[in-house]
């Protein structure tokens, strides 16, 4: 796990929107989404509940 990916996680958790977080991080939305999925795979838990136009932390995401 890289510090950069933790920074991505925190930005998405704060913004509750992947597109907005990607803009603030100056990366593309698909790149950010891929990094979050890889983080979830690495940890073996779902950190976010993805909705149509927003994203929320799961209970595991809150603990992380």
N, C-alpha and C. Protein backbone atom coordinates (compact mmCIF):
# COMPACT_ATOMS: atom_id res chain seq x y z
N UNK A 1 0.85 -1.17 0.00
CA UNK A 1 0.00 0.00 0.00
C UNK A 1 0.90 1.24 0.00
N UNK A 2 0.58 2.15 -0.87
CA UNK A 2 1.38 3.36 -1.01
C UNK A 2 0.69 4.55 -0.35
N UNK A 3 1.48 5.49 0.12
CA UNK A 3 0.96 6.69 0.75
C UNK A 3 0.04 7.45 -0.22
N UNK A 4 0.39 7.43 -1.49
CA UNK A 4 -0.40 8.11 -2.52
C UNK A 4 -1.83 7.56 -2.54
N UNK A 5 -1.97 6.25 -2.42
CA UNK A 5 -3.30 5.62 -2.46
C UNK A 5 -4.09 5.98 -1.21
N UNK A 6 -3.43 6.10 -0.08
CA UNK A 6 -4.11 6.54 1.15
C UNK A 6 -4.62 7.97 0.99
N UNK A 7 -3.83 8.80 0.33
CA UNK A 7 -4.25 10.17 0.03
C UNK A 7 -5.50 10.16 -0.85
N UNK A 8 -5.53 9.28 -1.84
CA UNK A 8 -6.69 9.14 -2.71
C UNK A 8 -7.92 8.74 -1.90
N UNK A 9 -7.74 7.75 -1.03
CA UNK A 9 -8.84 7.28 -0.19
C UNK A 9 -9.42 8.43 0.64
N UNK A 10 -8.55 9.18 1.28
CA UNK A 10 -9.00 10.29 2.13
C UNK A 10 -9.75 11.36 1.34
N UNK A 11 -9.27 11.65 0.15
CA UNK A 11 -9.92 12.67 -0.68
C UNK A 11 -11.32 12.21 -1.10
N UNK A 12 -11.45 10.97 -1.50
CA UNK A 12 -12.76 10.45 -1.92
C UNK A 12 -13.70 10.41 -0.71
N UNK A 13 -13.20 9.99 0.44
CA UNK A 13 -14.02 9.94 1.65
C UNK A 13 -14.51 11.35 2.01
N UNK A 14 -13.66 12.33 1.85
CA UNK A 14 -14.02 13.71 2.18
C UNK A 14 -15.03 14.28 1.19
N UNK A 15 -14.78 14.07 -0.09
CA UNK A 15 -15.61 14.66 -1.13
C UNK A 15 -16.90 13.88 -1.40
N UNK A 16 -16.90 12.59 -1.08
CA UNK A 16 -18.04 11.71 -1.36
C UNK A 16 -18.43 11.72 -2.84
N UNK A 17 -17.43 11.93 -3.70
CA UNK A 17 -17.66 11.97 -5.14
C UNK A 17 -16.33 11.69 -5.83
N UNK A 18 -16.26 10.62 -6.61
CA UNK A 18 -14.99 10.24 -7.23
C UNK A 18 -14.55 11.26 -8.28
N UNK A 19 -15.48 11.76 -9.06
CA UNK A 19 -15.13 12.73 -10.10
C UNK A 19 -14.54 14.00 -9.49
N UNK A 20 -15.18 14.52 -8.47
CA UNK A 20 -14.70 15.73 -7.79
C UNK A 20 -13.33 15.47 -7.16
N UNK A 21 -13.18 14.32 -6.50
CA UNK A 21 -11.90 13.97 -5.88
C UNK A 21 -10.80 13.86 -6.93
N UNK A 22 -11.11 13.25 -8.07
CA UNK A 22 -10.12 13.11 -9.14
C UNK A 22 -9.69 14.49 -9.64
N UNK A 23 -10.63 15.40 -9.79
CA UNK A 23 -10.29 16.76 -10.23
C UNK A 23 -9.34 17.42 -9.23
N UNK A 24 -9.65 17.29 -7.95
CA UNK A 24 -8.81 17.91 -6.91
C UNK A 24 -7.43 17.27 -6.83
N UNK A 25 -7.36 15.99 -7.15
CA UNK A 25 -6.08 15.27 -7.11
C UNK A 25 -5.30 15.39 -8.42
N UNK A 26 -5.94 15.98 -9.44
CA UNK A 26 -5.33 16.16 -10.76
C UNK A 26 -4.99 14.82 -11.41
N UNK A 27 -5.95 13.88 -11.30
CA UNK A 27 -5.83 12.59 -11.99
C UNK A 27 -7.16 12.31 -12.66
N UNK A 28 -7.19 11.32 -13.53
CA UNK A 28 -8.45 11.00 -14.19
C UNK A 28 -9.34 10.16 -13.29
N UNK A 29 -10.62 10.23 -13.53
CA UNK A 29 -11.59 9.48 -12.73
C UNK A 29 -11.38 7.97 -12.85
N UNK A 30 -11.15 7.43 -14.08
CA UNK A 30 -10.92 5.98 -14.17
C UNK A 30 -9.68 5.52 -13.39
N UNK A 31 -8.64 6.33 -13.39
CA UNK A 31 -7.43 6.00 -12.63
C UNK A 31 -7.73 5.94 -11.14
N UNK A 32 -8.47 6.91 -10.65
CA UNK A 32 -8.82 6.95 -9.24
C UNK A 32 -9.70 5.76 -8.87
N UNK A 33 -10.68 5.47 -9.69
CA UNK A 33 -11.57 4.33 -9.43
C UNK A 33 -10.77 3.03 -9.38
N UNK A 34 -9.85 2.86 -10.31
CA UNK A 34 -9.03 1.65 -10.36
C UNK A 34 -8.16 1.52 -9.10
N UNK A 35 -7.60 2.64 -8.65
CA UNK A 35 -6.77 2.62 -7.45
C UNK A 35 -7.59 2.23 -6.21
N UNK A 36 -8.82 2.73 -6.14
CA UNK A 36 -9.69 2.40 -5.00
C UNK A 36 -10.07 0.92 -5.01
N UNK A 37 -10.36 0.40 -6.18
CA UNK A 37 -10.70 -1.03 -6.30
C UNK A 37 -9.51 -1.89 -5.91
N UNK A 38 -8.31 -1.49 -6.35
CA UNK A 38 -7.11 -2.24 -5.98
C UNK A 38 -6.86 -2.18 -4.48
N UNK A 39 -7.12 -1.04 -3.85
CA UNK A 39 -6.97 -0.92 -2.41
C UNK A 39 -7.95 -1.84 -1.69
N UNK A 40 -9.20 -1.85 -2.15
CA UNK A 40 -10.20 -2.74 -1.55
C UNK A 40 -9.80 -4.20 -1.73
N UNK A 41 -9.28 -4.55 -2.89
CA UNK A 41 -8.82 -5.92 -3.13
C UNK A 41 -7.66 -6.28 -2.20
N UNK A 42 -6.74 -5.35 -2.04
CA UNK A 42 -5.58 -5.58 -1.18
C UNK A 42 -6.00 -5.79 0.28
N UNK A 43 -6.97 -5.01 0.73
CA UNK A 43 -7.43 -5.11 2.11
C UNK A 43 -8.45 -6.23 2.31
N UNK A 44 -9.09 -6.64 1.23
CA UNK A 44 -10.09 -7.70 1.32
C UNK A 44 -11.42 -7.25 1.88
N UNK A 45 -11.69 -5.96 1.81
CA UNK A 45 -12.97 -5.41 2.28
C UNK A 45 -13.46 -4.34 1.31
N UNK A 46 -14.76 -4.09 1.34
CA UNK A 46 -15.34 -3.01 0.54
C UNK A 46 -15.32 -1.75 1.40
N UNK A 47 -14.62 -0.72 0.94
CA UNK A 47 -14.49 0.52 1.70
C UNK A 47 -15.59 1.52 1.38
N UNK A 48 -16.14 1.42 0.17
CA UNK A 48 -17.13 2.38 -0.29
C UNK A 48 -18.38 1.69 -0.80
N UNK A 49 -19.50 2.35 -0.59
CA UNK A 49 -20.75 1.93 -1.21
C UNK A 49 -20.98 2.90 -2.37
N UNK A 50 -20.90 2.38 -3.57
CA UNK A 50 -21.02 3.22 -4.76
C UNK A 50 -22.48 3.38 -5.14
N UNK A 51 -22.89 4.62 -5.33
CA UNK A 51 -24.26 4.94 -5.74
C UNK A 51 -24.19 5.63 -7.09
N UNK A 52 -25.35 5.96 -7.64
CA UNK A 52 -25.43 6.55 -8.98
C UNK A 52 -24.54 7.79 -9.12
N UNK A 53 -24.67 8.75 -8.21
CA UNK A 53 -23.92 10.01 -8.34
C UNK A 53 -23.13 10.36 -7.09
N UNK A 54 -22.91 9.38 -6.23
CA UNK A 54 -22.13 9.65 -5.02
C UNK A 54 -21.51 8.35 -4.52
N UNK A 55 -20.73 8.48 -3.49
CA UNK A 55 -20.05 7.34 -2.90
C UNK A 55 -20.03 7.57 -1.39
N UNK A 56 -20.30 6.52 -0.63
CA UNK A 56 -20.31 6.62 0.83
C UNK A 56 -19.40 5.58 1.42
N UNK A 57 -18.83 5.90 2.56
CA UNK A 57 -17.99 4.92 3.27
C UNK A 57 -18.86 3.81 3.84
N UNK A 58 -18.37 2.59 3.76
CA UNK A 58 -19.01 1.47 4.47
C UNK A 58 -18.50 1.51 5.90
N UNK A 59 -19.02 0.64 6.74
CA UNK A 59 -18.53 0.59 8.13
C UNK A 59 -17.06 0.22 8.16
N UNK A 60 -16.62 -0.66 7.24
CA UNK A 60 -15.20 -1.01 7.14
C UNK A 60 -14.37 0.21 6.71
N UNK A 61 -14.93 0.99 5.80
CA UNK A 61 -14.25 2.21 5.35
C UNK A 61 -14.10 3.21 6.47
N UNK A 62 -15.11 3.31 7.31
CA UNK A 62 -15.03 4.22 8.46
C UNK A 62 -13.92 3.78 9.41
N UNK A 63 -13.81 2.48 9.63
CA UNK A 63 -12.77 1.97 10.51
C UNK A 63 -11.38 2.16 9.93
N UNK A 64 -11.28 2.01 8.62
CA UNK A 64 -9.99 2.16 7.95
C UNK A 64 -9.53 3.60 8.05
